[in-house]
Amino acid sequence: MSDNTGNTFLALLTGAAIGIGVGILYAPDKGEKTRNKIKKKALDTKQDVTDRISQLTEELSKTADAKKADFEQTLEKTISSMSYKADDIIVTLEKKLEELRKKNAQLQK
């Protein structure tokens, strides 16, 4: 087969498949049953997608809550650590200030 013949054949098969699909959908008796099946399948698929989105939303919410808790705990540890360091700095500065007062008092004499 040449390339053009292959494309023509593919177009014919595609057209036939579309025609058969449309024919089945609009056939009087069996088509109605088919349409009902398609409708039911579409509704089932919609429900499945809705359930999956709900499940995903729930999982993301749980993950976000866990990450928030981790962040708050890390923040609390950091603040606590900074508080201890601030206390150390204050103590050191107070010692230095006391030393400077003593030296200043000696120089004043």
Foldseek 3Di string as FASTA:
>chain_A
DDPVVVVVVVVVVVVVVVVVVVCLCPPDPNNVVVVVVVVVVVVVVVVVVVVVVVVVVVVVVVVVVVVVVVVVVVVVVVVVVVVVVVVVVVVVVVVVVVVVVVVVVVVVD
